[in-house]
Full PDB file with SEQRES, HELIX, SHEET, SSBOND, CRYST1, ORIGX, SCALE, CONECT and MASTER records, all heavy atoms in Angstrom:
SEQRES   1 A   39  VAL SER TYR ASN ALA LEU PRO GLY CYS ARG LEU ARG ASP          
SEQRES   2 A   39  LEU ALA ARG ASP VAL MET LEU TYR ALA THR ARG ASP VAL          
SEQRES   3 A   39  HIS GLU PRO GLU GLU ARG VAL ARG VAL ALA ARG ALA ALA          
HELIX    1 AA1 CYS A    9  ALA A   22  1                                  14    
HELIX    2 AA2 PRO A   29  ALA A   38  1                                  10    
CRYST1    1.000    1.000    1.000  90.00  90.00  90.00 P 1           1          
ORIGX1      1.000000  0.000000  0.000000        0.00000                         
ORIGX2      0.000000  1.000000  0.000000        0.00000                         
ORIGX3      0.000000  0.000000  1.000000        0.00000                         
SCALE1      1.000000  0.000000  0.000000        0.00000                         
SCALE2      0.000000  1.000000  0.000000        0.00000                         
SCALE3      0.000000  0.000000  1.000000        0.00000                         
ATOM      1  N   VAL A   1     -12.077 -24.238 120.962  1.00  0.00           N  
ATOM      2  CA  VAL A   1     -12.988 -24.618 119.880  1.00  0.00           C  
ATOM      3  C   VAL A   1     -12.443 -24.064 118.563  1.00  0.00           C  
ATOM      4  O   VAL A   1     -12.107 -22.884 118.452  1.00  0.00           O  
ATOM      5  CB  VAL A   1     -14.424 -24.113 120.150  1.00  0.00           C  
ATOM      6  CG1 VAL A   1     -14.486 -22.594 120.323  1.00  0.00           C  
ATOM      7  CG2 VAL A   1     -15.376 -24.577 119.054  1.00  0.00           C  
ATOM      8  N   SER A   2     -12.327 -24.930 117.574  1.00  0.00           N  
ATOM      9  CA  SER A   2     -11.861 -24.495 116.253  1.00  0.00           C  
ATOM     10  C   SER A   2     -13.026 -24.526 115.277  1.00  0.00           C  
ATOM     11  O   SER A   2     -13.979 -25.300 115.439  1.00  0.00           O  
ATOM     12  CB  SER A   2     -10.728 -25.397 115.755  1.00  0.00           C  
ATOM     13  OG  SER A   2     -11.189 -26.715 115.526  1.00  0.00           O  
ATOM     14  N   TYR A   3     -12.934 -23.687 114.250  1.00  0.00           N  
ATOM     15  CA  TYR A   3     -14.021 -23.596 113.271  1.00  0.00           C  
ATOM     16  C   TYR A   3     -13.539 -22.859 112.029  1.00  0.00           C  
ATOM     17  O   TYR A   3     -12.571 -22.089 112.065  1.00  0.00           O  
ATOM     18  CB  TYR A   3     -15.232 -22.867 113.872  1.00  0.00           C  
ATOM     19  CG  TYR A   3     -14.901 -21.567 114.563  1.00  0.00           C  
ATOM     20  CD1 TYR A   3     -14.972 -20.340 113.897  1.00  0.00           C  
ATOM     21  CD2 TYR A   3     -14.496 -21.560 115.901  1.00  0.00           C  
ATOM     22  CE1 TYR A   3     -14.651 -19.143 114.543  1.00  0.00           C  
ATOM     23  CE2 TYR A   3     -14.178 -20.374 116.551  1.00  0.00           C  
ATOM     24  CZ  TYR A   3     -14.255 -19.176 115.870  1.00  0.00           C  
ATOM     25  OH  TYR A   3     -13.929 -18.005 116.508  1.00  0.00           O  
ATOM     26  N   ASN A   4     -14.218 -23.120 110.923  1.00  0.00           N  
ATOM     27  CA  ASN A   4     -13.957 -22.350 109.710  1.00  0.00           C  
ATOM     28  C   ASN A   4     -14.431 -20.923 109.929  1.00  0.00           C  
ATOM     29  O   ASN A   4     -15.520 -20.699 110.474  1.00  0.00           O  
ATOM     30  CB  ASN A   4     -14.678 -22.966 108.516  1.00  0.00           C  
ATOM     31  CG  ASN A   4     -13.947 -24.158 107.958  1.00  0.00           C  
ATOM     32  OD1 ASN A   4     -12.778 -24.390 108.272  1.00  0.00           O  
ATOM     33  ND2 ASN A   4     -14.622 -24.947 107.128  1.00  0.00           N  
ATOM     34  N   ALA A   5     -13.614 -19.973 109.510  1.00  0.00           N  
ATOM     35  CA  ALA A   5     -13.876 -18.572 109.842  1.00  0.00           C  
ATOM     36  C   ALA A   5     -14.203 -17.736 108.613  1.00  0.00           C  
ATOM     37  O   ALA A   5     -13.749 -18.015 107.490  1.00  0.00           O  
ATOM     38  CB  ALA A   5     -12.658 -17.981 110.564  1.00  0.00           C  
ATOM     39  N   LEU A   6     -14.982 -16.705 108.866  1.00  0.00           N  
ATOM     40  CA  LEU A   6     -15.277 -15.683 107.861  1.00  0.00           C  
ATOM     41  C   LEU A   6     -14.395 -14.463 108.127  1.00  0.00           C  
ATOM     42  O   LEU A   6     -14.034 -14.210 109.271  1.00  0.00           O  
ATOM     43  CB  LEU A   6     -16.755 -15.286 107.930  1.00  0.00           C  
ATOM     44  CG  LEU A   6     -17.755 -16.403 107.605  1.00  0.00           C  
ATOM     45  CD1 LEU A   6     -19.176 -15.911 107.866  1.00  0.00           C  
ATOM     46  CD2 LEU A   6     -17.600 -16.860 106.166  1.00  0.00           C  
ATOM     47  N   PRO A   7     -14.014 -13.737 107.067  1.00  0.00           N  
ATOM     48  CA  PRO A   7     -14.488 -13.862 105.684  1.00  0.00           C  
ATOM     49  C   PRO A   7     -13.681 -14.822 104.824  1.00  0.00           C  
ATOM     50  O   PRO A   7     -14.028 -15.061 103.672  1.00  0.00           O  
ATOM     51  CB  PRO A   7     -14.342 -12.444 105.154  1.00  0.00           C  
ATOM     52  CG  PRO A   7     -13.124 -11.927 105.853  1.00  0.00           C  
ATOM     53  CD  PRO A   7     -13.190 -12.500 107.245  1.00  0.00           C  
ATOM     54  N   GLY A   8     -12.584 -15.385 105.327  1.00  0.00           N  
ATOM     55  CA  GLY A   8     -11.696 -16.169 104.487  1.00  0.00           C  
ATOM     56  C   GLY A   8     -12.357 -17.343 103.798  1.00  0.00           C  
ATOM     57  O   GLY A   8     -12.026 -17.667 102.655  1.00  0.00           O  
ATOM     58  N   CYS A   9     -13.327 -17.986 104.472  1.00  0.00           N  
ATOM     59  CA  CYS A   9     -13.944 -19.169 103.889  1.00  0.00           C  
ATOM     60  C   CYS A   9     -14.915 -18.853 102.756  1.00  0.00           C  
ATOM     61  O   CYS A   9     -15.381 -19.772 102.080  1.00  0.00           O  
ATOM     62  CB  CYS A   9     -14.645 -19.988 104.975  1.00  0.00           C  
ATOM     63  SG  CYS A   9     -13.538 -21.222 105.711  1.00  0.00           S  
ATOM     64  N   ARG A  10     -15.219 -17.585 102.570  1.00  0.00           N  
ATOM     65  CA  ARG A  10     -16.076 -17.252 101.423  1.00  0.00           C  
ATOM     66  C   ARG A  10     -15.370 -17.622 100.120  1.00  0.00           C  
ATOM     67  O   ARG A  10     -16.012 -18.052  99.148  1.00  0.00           O  
ATOM     68  CB  ARG A  10     -16.445 -15.778 101.440  1.00  0.00           C  
ATOM     69  CG  ARG A  10     -17.283 -15.384 102.654  1.00  0.00           C  
ATOM     70  CD  ARG A  10     -18.039 -14.094 102.451  1.00  0.00           C  
ATOM     71  NE  ARG A  10     -18.622 -13.616 103.688  1.00  0.00           N  
ATOM     72  CZ  ARG A  10     -19.739 -14.082 104.248  1.00  0.00           C  
ATOM     73  NH1 ARG A  10     -20.394 -15.070 103.661  1.00  0.00           N  
ATOM     74  NH2 ARG A  10     -20.201 -13.573 105.378  1.00  0.00           N  
ATOM     75  N   LEU A  11     -14.053 -17.445 100.055  1.00  0.00           N  
ATOM     76  CA  LEU A  11     -13.301 -17.842  98.866  1.00  0.00           C  
ATOM     77  C   LEU A  11     -13.294 -19.365  98.731  1.00  0.00           C  
ATOM     78  O   LEU A  11     -13.450 -19.902  97.632  1.00  0.00           O  
ATOM     79  CB  LEU A  11     -11.867 -17.312  98.951  1.00  0.00           C  
ATOM     80  CG  LEU A  11     -11.714 -15.791  99.023  1.00  0.00           C  
ATOM     81  CD1 LEU A  11     -10.239 -15.415  99.046  1.00  0.00           C  
ATOM     82  CD2 LEU A  11     -12.392 -15.141  97.826  1.00  0.00           C  
ATOM     83  N   ARG A  12     -13.097 -20.057  99.839  1.00  0.00           N  
ATOM     84  CA  ARG A  12     -13.101 -21.523  99.818  1.00  0.00           C  
ATOM     85  C   ARG A  12     -14.446 -22.053  99.343  1.00  0.00           C  
ATOM     86  O   ARG A  12     -14.522 -23.062  98.625  1.00  0.00           O  
ATOM     87  CB  ARG A  12     -12.786 -22.033 101.218  1.00  0.00           C  
ATOM     88  CG  ARG A  12     -12.794 -23.531 101.386  1.00  0.00           C  
ATOM     89  CD  ARG A  12     -12.353 -23.899 102.798  1.00  0.00           C  
ATOM     90  NE  ARG A  12     -12.447 -25.327 103.039  1.00  0.00           N  
ATOM     91  CZ  ARG A  12     -11.963 -25.923 104.122  1.00  0.00           C  
ATOM     92  NH1 ARG A  12     -11.367 -25.202 105.054  1.00  0.00           N  
ATOM     93  NH2 ARG A  12     -12.092 -27.229 104.289  1.00  0.00           N  
ATOM     94  N   ASP A  13     -15.518 -21.353  99.696  1.00  0.00           N  
ATOM     95  CA  ASP A  13     -16.853 -21.822  99.351  1.00  0.00           C  
ATOM     96  C   ASP A  13     -17.153 -21.696  97.864  1.00  0.00           C  
ATOM     97  O   ASP A  13     -18.067 -22.352  97.355  1.00  0.00           O  
ATOM     98  CB  ASP A  13     -17.904 -21.066 100.162  1.00  0.00           C  
ATOM     99  CG  ASP A  13     -18.000 -21.574 101.593  1.00  0.00           C  
ATOM    100  OD1 ASP A  13     -17.448 -22.661 101.871  1.00  0.00           O  
ATOM    101  OD2 ASP A  13     -18.610 -20.885 102.433  1.00  0.00           O  
ATOM    102  N   LEU A  14     -16.395 -20.853  97.140  1.00  0.00           N  
ATOM    103  CA  LEU A  14     -16.600 -20.784  95.696  1.00  0.00           C  
ATOM    104  C   LEU A  14     -16.305 -22.135  95.061  1.00  0.00           C  
ATOM    105  O   LEU A  14     -17.045 -22.616  94.198  1.00  0.00           O  
ATOM    106  CB  LEU A  14     -15.697 -19.703  95.081  1.00  0.00           C  
ATOM    107  CG  LEU A  14     -15.952 -18.263  95.531  1.00  0.00           C  
ATOM    108  CD1 LEU A  14     -14.951 -17.312  94.880  1.00  0.00           C  
ATOM    109  CD2 LEU A  14     -17.378 -17.839  95.197  1.00  0.00           C  
ATOM    110  N   ALA A  15     -15.202 -22.747  95.492  1.00  0.00           N  
ATOM    111  CA  ALA A  15     -14.866 -24.080  94.995  1.00  0.00           C  
ATOM    112  C   ALA A  15     -15.808 -25.130  95.569  1.00  0.00           C  
ATOM    113  O   ALA A  15     -16.180 -26.101  94.889  1.00  0.00           O  
ATOM    114  CB  ALA A  15     -13.422 -24.409  95.349  1.00  0.00           C  
ATOM    115  N   ARG A  16     -16.185 -24.953  96.809  1.00  0.00           N  
ATOM    116  CA  ARG A  16     -17.075 -25.921  97.458  1.00  0.00           C  
ATOM    117  C   ARG A  16     -18.428 -25.966  96.751  1.00  0.00           C  
ATOM    118  O   ARG A  16     -19.029 -27.040  96.612  1.00  0.00           O  
ATOM    119  CB  ARG A  16     -17.233 -25.511  98.923  1.00  0.00           C  
ATOM    120  CG  ARG A  16     -17.905 -26.542  99.792  1.00  0.00           C  
ATOM    121  CD  ARG A  16     -17.642 -26.258 101.265  1.00  0.00           C  
ATOM    122  NE  ARG A  16     -18.571 -26.978 102.102  1.00  0.00           N  
ATOM    123  CZ  ARG A  16     -19.692 -26.475 102.624  1.00  0.00           C  
ATOM    124  NH1 ARG A  16     -19.993 -25.201 102.402  1.00  0.00           N  
ATOM    125  NH2 ARG A  16     -20.480 -27.206 103.362  1.00  0.00           N  
ATOM    126  N   ASP A  17     -18.916 -24.812  96.282  1.00  0.00           N  
ATOM    127  CA  ASP A  17     -20.183 -24.780  95.540  1.00  0.00           C  
ATOM    128  C   ASP A  17     -20.108 -25.668  94.302  1.00  0.00           C  
ATOM    129  O   ASP A  17     -21.064 -26.390  93.975  1.00  0.00           O  
ATOM    130  CB  ASP A  17     -20.512 -23.342  95.123  1.00  0.00           C  
ATOM    131  CG  ASP A  17     -20.953 -22.479  96.291  1.00  0.00           C  
ATOM    132  OD1 ASP A  17     -21.312 -23.033  97.349  1.00  0.00           O  
ATOM    133  OD2 ASP A  17     -20.913 -21.240  96.153  1.00  0.00           O  
ATOM    134  N   VAL A  18     -18.975 -25.607  93.604  1.00  0.00           N  
ATOM    135  CA  VAL A  18     -18.787 -26.440  92.410  1.00  0.00           C  
ATOM    136  C   VAL A  18     -18.839 -27.918  92.790  1.00  0.00           C  
ATOM    137  O   VAL A  18     -19.536 -28.724  92.152  1.00  0.00           O  
ATOM    138  CB  VAL A  18     -17.437 -26.107  91.734  1.00  0.00           C  
ATOM    139  CG1 VAL A  18     -17.119 -27.133  90.636  1.00  0.00           C  
ATOM    140  CG2 VAL A  18     -17.458 -24.695  91.167  1.00  0.00           C  
ATOM    141  N   MET A  19     -18.114 -28.286  93.835  1.00  0.00           N  
ATOM    142  CA  MET A  19     -18.020 -29.699  94.210  1.00  0.00           C  
ATOM    143  C   MET A  19     -19.332 -30.236  94.770  1.00  0.00           C  
ATOM    144  O   MET A  19     -19.716 -31.375  94.486  1.00  0.00           O  
ATOM    145  CB  MET A  19     -16.878 -29.878  95.211  1.00  0.00           C  
ATOM    146  CG  MET A  19     -15.505 -29.607  94.615  1.00  0.00           C  
ATOM    147  SD  MET A  19     -14.121 -30.038  95.716  1.00  0.00           S  
ATOM    148  CE  MET A  19     -14.285 -28.750  96.971  1.00  0.00           C  
ATOM    149  N   LEU A  20     -20.035 -29.425  95.552  1.00  0.00           N  
ATOM    150  CA  LEU A  20     -21.314 -29.881  96.111  1.00  0.00           C  
ATOM    151  C   LEU A  20     -22.366 -30.043  95.016  1.00  0.00           C  
ATOM    152  O   LEU A  20     -23.180 -30.981  95.051  1.00  0.00           O  
ATOM    153  CB  LEU A  20     -21.810 -28.903  97.175  1.00  0.00           C  
ATOM    154  CG  LEU A  20     -21.045 -28.913  98.501  1.00  0.00           C  
ATOM    155  CD1 LEU A  20     -21.578 -27.828  99.434  1.00  0.00           C  
ATOM    156  CD2 LEU A  20     -21.142 -30.282  99.176  1.00  0.00           C  
ATOM    157  N   TYR A  21     -22.339 -29.172  94.021  1.00  0.00           N  
ATOM    158  CA  TYR A  21     -23.294 -29.297  92.909  1.00  0.00           C  
ATOM    159  C   TYR A  21     -23.011 -30.568  92.115  1.00  0.00           C  
ATOM    160  O   TYR A  21     -23.920 -31.336  91.785  1.00  0.00           O  
ATOM    161  CB  TYR A  21     -23.210 -28.077  91.999  1.00  0.00           C  
ATOM    162  CG  TYR A  21     -24.111 -28.187  90.797  1.00  0.00           C  
ATOM    163  CD1 TYR A  21     -25.498 -28.033  90.927  1.00  0.00           C  
ATOM    164  CD2 TYR A  21     -23.600 -28.476  89.533  1.00  0.00           C  
ATOM    165  CE1 TYR A  21     -26.340 -28.152  89.831  1.00  0.00           C  
ATOM    166  CE2 TYR A  21     -24.426 -28.597  88.432  1.00  0.00           C  
ATOM    167  CZ  TYR A  21     -25.792 -28.440  88.582  1.00  0.00           C  
ATOM    168  OH  TYR A  21     -26.629 -28.565  87.487  1.00  0.00           O  
ATOM    169  N   ALA A  22     -21.729 -30.808  91.847  1.00  0.00           N  
ATOM    170  CA  ALA A  22     -21.359 -31.969  91.040  1.00  0.00           C  
ATOM    171  C   ALA A  22     -21.669 -33.285  91.737  1.00  0.00           C  
ATOM    172  O   ALA A  22     -21.909 -34.305  91.076  1.00  0.00           O  
ATOM    173  CB  ALA A  22     -19.876 -31.902  90.681  1.00  0.00           C  
ATOM    174  N   THR A  23     -21.664 -33.284  93.055  1.00  0.00           N  
ATOM    175  CA  THR A  23     -21.850 -34.536  93.813  1.00  0.00           C  
ATOM    176  C   THR A  23     -23.229 -34.626  94.461  1.00  0.00           C  
ATOM    177  O   THR A  23     -23.444 -35.456  95.352  1.00  0.00           O  
ATOM    178  CB  THR A  23     -20.776 -34.657  94.907  1.00  0.00           C  
ATOM    179  OG1 THR A  23     -20.852 -33.511  95.788  1.00  0.00           O  
ATOM    180  CG2 THR A  23     -19.372 -34.721  94.308  1.00  0.00           C  
ATOM    181  N   ARG A  24     -24.160 -33.803  94.023  1.00  0.00           N  
ATOM    182  CA  ARG A  24     -25.461 -33.731  94.694  1.00  0.00           C  
ATOM    183  C   ARG A  24     -26.209 -35.065  94.660  1.00  0.00           C  
ATOM    184  O   ARG A  24     -27.024 -35.362  95.550  1.00  0.00           O  
ATOM    185  CB  ARG A  24     -26.325 -32.611  94.100  1.00  0.00           C  
ATOM    186  CG  ARG A  24     -26.703 -32.828  92.642  1.00  0.00           C  
ATOM    187  CD  ARG A  24     -27.246 -31.534  92.014  1.00  0.00           C  
ATOM    188  NE  ARG A  24     -27.709 -31.744  90.643  1.00  0.00           N  
ATOM    189  CZ  ARG A  24     -26.898 -31.817  89.586  1.00  0.00           C  
ATOM    190  NH1 ARG A  24     -25.585 -31.728  89.759  1.00  0.00           N  
ATOM    191  NH2 ARG A  24     -27.402 -31.989  88.378  1.00  0.00           N  
ATOM    192  N   ASP A  25     -25.952 -35.895  93.634  1.00  0.00           N  
ATOM    193  CA  ASP A  25     -26.631 -37.187  93.541  1.00  0.00           C  
ATOM    194  C   ASP A  25     -25.667 -38.360  93.729  1.00  0.00           C  
ATOM    195  O   ASP A  25     -26.014 -39.503  93.431  1.00  0.00           O  
ATOM    196  CB  ASP A  25     -27.319 -37.319  92.171  1.00  0.00           C  
ATOM    197  CG  ASP A  25     -28.414 -36.272  91.982  1.00  0.00           C  
ATOM    198  OD1 ASP A  25     -29.127 -35.994  92.966  1.00  0.00           O  
ATOM    199  OD2 ASP A  25     -28.528 -35.736  90.870  1.00  0.00           O  
ATOM    200  N   VAL A  26     -24.459 -38.075  94.225  1.00  0.00           N  
ATOM    201  CA  VAL A  26     -23.451 -39.110  94.431  1.00  0.00           C  
ATOM    202  C   VAL A  26     -23.313 -39.346  95.931  1.00  0.00           C  
ATOM    203  O   VAL A  26     -23.043 -38.406  96.687  1.00  0.00           O  
ATOM    204  CB  VAL A  26     -22.085 -38.694  93.839  1.00  0.00           C  
ATOM    205  CG1 VAL A  26     -21.051 -39.806  94.045  1.00  0.00           C  
ATOM    206  CG2 VAL A  26     -22.216 -38.359  92.356  1.00  0.00           C  
ATOM    207  N   HIS A  27     -23.448 -40.591  96.371  1.00  0.00           N  
ATOM    208  CA  HIS A  27     -23.466 -40.864  97.802  1.00  0.00           C  
ATOM    209  C   HIS A  27     -22.317 -41.757  98.268  1.00  0.00           C  
ATOM    210  O   HIS A  27     -21.924 -41.690  99.436  1.00  0.00           O  
ATOM    211  CB  HIS A  27     -24.803 -41.511  98.191  1.00  0.00           C  
ATOM    212  CG  HIS A  27     -25.986 -40.668  97.809  1.00  0.00           C  
ATOM    213  ND1 HIS A  27     -26.265 -39.458  98.403  1.00  0.00           N  
ATOM    214  CD2 HIS A  27     -26.942 -40.858  96.853  1.00  0.00           C  
ATOM    215  CE1 HIS A  27     -27.362 -38.928  97.852  1.00  0.00           C  
ATOM    216  NE2 HIS A  27     -27.785 -39.758  96.909  1.00  0.00           N  
ATOM    217  N   GLU A  28     -21.777 -42.607  97.404  1.00  0.00           N  
ATOM    218  CA  GLU A  28     -20.668 -43.480  97.782  1.00  0.00           C  
ATOM    219  C   GLU A  28     -19.425 -42.619  98.005  1.00  0.00           C  
ATOM    220  O   GLU A  28     -19.061 -41.809  97.143  1.00  0.00           O  
ATOM    221  CB  GLU A  28     -20.413 -44.506  96.676  1.00  0.00           C  
ATOM    222  CG  GLU A  28     -19.594 -45.697  97.130  1.00  0.00           C  
ATOM    223  CD  GLU A  28     -18.099 -45.378  97.150  1.00  0.00           C  
ATOM    224  OE1 GLU A  28     -17.640 -44.650  96.249  1.00  0.00           O  
ATOM    225  OE2 GLU A  28     -17.400 -45.848  98.064  1.00  0.00           O  
ATOM    226  N   PRO A  29     -18.787 -42.723  99.176  1.00  0.00           N  
ATOM    227  CA  PRO A  29     -17.713 -41.782  99.542  1.00  0.00           C  
ATOM    228  C   PRO A  29     -16.577 -41.657  98.534  1.00  0.00           C  
ATOM    229  O   PRO A  29     -16.205 -40.547  98.156  1.00  0.00           O  
ATOM    230  CB  PRO A  29     -17.212 -42.339 100.880  1.00  0.00           C  
ATOM    231  CG  PRO A  29     -18.400 -43.023 101.464  1.00  0.00           C  
ATOM    232  CD  PRO A  29     -19.103 -43.626 100.299  1.00  0.00           C  
ATOM    233  N   GLU A  30     -16.010 -42.781  98.075  1.00  0.00           N  
ATOM    234  CA  GLU A  30     -14.873 -42.690  97.155  1.00  0.00           C  
ATOM    235  C   GLU A  30     -15.281 -42.039  95.840  1.00  0.00           C  
ATOM    236  O   GLU A  30     -14.542 -41.222  95.281  1.00  0.00           O  
ATOM    237  CB  GLU A  30     -14.289 -44.085  96.904  1.00  0.00           C  
ATOM    238  CG  GLU A  30     -13.541 -44.653  98.103  1.00  0.00           C  
ATOM    239  CD  GLU A  30     -12.843 -45.959  97.763  1.00  0.00           C  
ATOM    240  OE1 GLU A  30     -12.803 -46.324  96.563  1.00  0.00           O  
ATOM    241  OE2 GLU A  30     -12.352 -46.621  98.700  1.00  0.00           O  
ATOM    242  N   GLU A  31     -16.444 -42.413  95.345  1.00  0.00           N  
ATOM    243  CA  GLU A  31     -16.919 -41.825  94.096  1.00  0.00           C  
ATOM    244  C   GLU A  31     -17.242 -40.347  94.289  1.00  0.00           C  
ATOM    245  O   GLU A  31     -17.003 -39.520  93.397  1.00  0.00           O  
ATOM    246  CB  GLU A  31     -18.161 -42.581  93.606  1.00  0.00           C  
ATOM    247  CG  GLU A  31     -18.735 -42.081  92.285  1.00  0.00           C  
ATOM    248  CD  GLU A  31     -17.809 -42.300  91.089  1.00  0.00           C  
ATOM    249  OE1 GLU A  31     -16.748 -42.935  91.245  1.00  0.00           O  
ATOM    250  OE2 GLU A  31     -18.155 -41.807  89.993  1.00  0.00           O  
ATOM    251  N   ARG A  32     -17.752 -40.015  95.438  1.00  0.00           N  
ATOM    252  CA  ARG A  32     -18.077 -38.613  95.736  1.00  0.00           C  
ATOM    253  C   ARG A  32     -16.812 -37.750  95.695  1.00  0.00           C  
ATOM    254  O   ARG A  32     -16.815 -36.664  95.124  1.00  0.00           O  
ATOM    255  CB  ARG A  32     -18.736 -38.547  97.119  1.00  0.00           C  
ATOM    256  CG  ARG A  32     -19.331 -37.210  97.499  1.00  0.00           C  
ATOM    257  CD  ARG A  32     -20.199 -37.377  98.746  1.00  0.00           C  
ATOM    258  NE  ARG A  32     -20.568 -36.092  99.310  1.00  0.00           N  
ATOM    259  CZ  ARG A  32     -21.552 -35.323  98.857  1.00  0.00           C  
ATOM    260  NH1 ARG A  32     -22.268 -35.727  97.806  1.00  0.00           N  
ATOM    261  NH2 ARG A  32     -21.833 -34.174  99.424  1.00  0.00           N  
ATOM    262  N   VAL A  33     -15.739 -38.253  96.282  1.00  0.00           N  
ATOM    263  CA  VAL A  33     -14.474 -37.513  96.265  1.00  0.00           C  
ATOM    264  C   VAL A  33     -13.927 -37.423  94.846  1.00  0.00           C  
ATOM    265  O   VAL A  33     -13.454 -36.357  94.412  1.00  0.00           O  
ATOM    266  CB  VAL A  33     -13.454 -38.198  97.199  1.00  0.00           C  
ATOM    267  CG1 VAL A  33     -12.064 -37.607  97.010  1.00  0.00           C  
ATOM    268  CG2 VAL A  33     -13.887 -38.036  98.658  1.00  0.00           C  
ATOM    269  N   ARG A  34     -13.981 -38.525  94.092  1.00  0.00           N  
ATOM    270  CA  ARG A  34     -13.453 -38.529  92.723  1.00  0.00           C  
ATOM    271  C   ARG A  34     -14.196 -37.521  91.855  1.00  0.00           C  
ATOM    272  O   ARG A  34     -13.591 -36.722  91.116  1.00  0.00           O  
ATOM    273  CB  ARG A  34     -13.576 -39.926  92.123  1.00  0.00           C  
ATOM    274  CG  ARG A  34     -12.903 -40.059  90.746  1.00  0.00           C  
ATOM    275  CD  ARG A  34     -13.334 -41.325  90.026  1.00  0.00           C  
ATOM    276  NE  ARG A  34     -14.736 -41.293  89.642  1.00  0.00           N  
ATOM    277  CZ  ARG A  34     -15.206 -40.592  88.588  1.00  0.00           C  
ATOM    278  NH1 ARG A  34     -14.380 -39.861  87.839  1.00  0.00           N  
ATOM    279  NH2 ARG A  34     -16.494 -40.618  88.299  1.00  0.00           N  
ATOM    280  N   VAL A  35     -15.524 -37.538  91.934  1.00  0.00           N  
ATOM    281  CA  VAL A  35     -16.338 -36.627  91.125  1.00  0.00           C  
ATOM    282  C   VAL A  35     -16.062 -35.178  91.527  1.00  0.00           C  
ATOM    283  O   VAL A  35     -15.970 -34.292  90.673  1.00  0.00           O  
ATOM    284  CB  VAL A  35     -17.835 -36.972  91.265  1.00  0.00           C  
ATOM    285  CG1 VAL A  35     -18.707 -35.886  90.628  1.00  0.00           C  
ATOM    286  CG2 VAL A  35     -18.125 -38.325  90.625  1.00  0.00           C  
ATOM    287  N   ALA A  36     -15.937 -34.931  92.825  1.00  0.00           N  
ATOM    288  CA  ALA A  36     -15.690 -33.566  93.299  1.00  0.00           C  
ATOM    289  C   ALA A  36     -14.357 -33.030  92.758  1.00  0.00           C  
ATOM    290  O   ALA A  36     -14.278 -31.890  92.274  1.00  0.00           O  
ATOM    291  CB  ALA A  36     -15.680 -33.542  94.823  1.00  0.00           C  
ATOM    292  N   ARG A  37     -13.309 -33.824  92.849  1.00  0.00           N  
ATOM    293  CA  ARG A  37     -11.994 -33.377  92.349  1.00  0.00           C  
ATOM    294  C   ARG A  37     -12.043 -33.125  90.845  1.00  0.00           C  
ATOM    295  O   ARG A  37     -11.500 -32.122  90.352  1.00  0.00           O  
ATOM    296  CB  ARG A  37     -10.931 -34.421  92.677  1.00  0.00           C  
ATOM    297  CG  ARG A  37     -10.557 -34.515  94.164  1.00  0.00           C  
ATOM    298  CD  ARG A  37      -9.331 -35.385  94.345  1.00  0.00           C  
ATOM    299  NE  ARG A  37      -8.980 -35.634  95.729  1.00  0.00           N  
ATOM    300  CZ  ARG A  37      -8.277 -34.800  96.491  1.00  0.00           C  
ATOM    301  NH1 ARG A  37      -7.862 -33.644  95.994  1.00  0.00           N  
ATOM    302  NH2 ARG A  37      -7.992 -35.122  97.745  1.00  0.00           N  
ATOM    303  N   ALA A  38     -12.667 -34.032  90.118  1.00  0.00           N  
ATOM    304  CA  ALA A  38     -12.736 -33.881  88.662  1.00  0.00           C  
ATOM    305  C   ALA A  38     -13.532 -32.639  88.280  1.00  0.00           C  
ATOM    306  O   ALA A  38     -13.151 -31.902  87.354  1.00  0.00           O  
ATOM    307  CB  ALA A  38     -13.353 -35.136  88.044  1.00  0.00           C  
ATOM    308  N   ALA A  39     -14.645 -32.407  88.971  1.00  0.00           N  
ATOM    309  CA  ALA A  39     -15.475 -31.243  88.649  1.00  0.00           C  
ATOM    310  C   ALA A  39     -14.734 -29.945  88.918  1.00  0.00           C  
ATOM    311  O   ALA A  39     -14.766 -29.017  88.094  1.00  0.00           O  
ATOM    312  CB  ALA A  39     -16.764 -31.302  89.463  1.00  0.00           C  
TER     313      ALA A  39                                                      
MASTER        0    0    0    2    0    0    0    6  312    1    0    3          
END                                                                             
């Protein structure tokens, strides 16, 4: 079984917080990825 591990993913989640906030109202997959990268 593979999984994202702690504590290393805490650093990854700093960026993920930015992307999830920026895409909170975006649902179309391609647009969601574009907005996340730009943010």
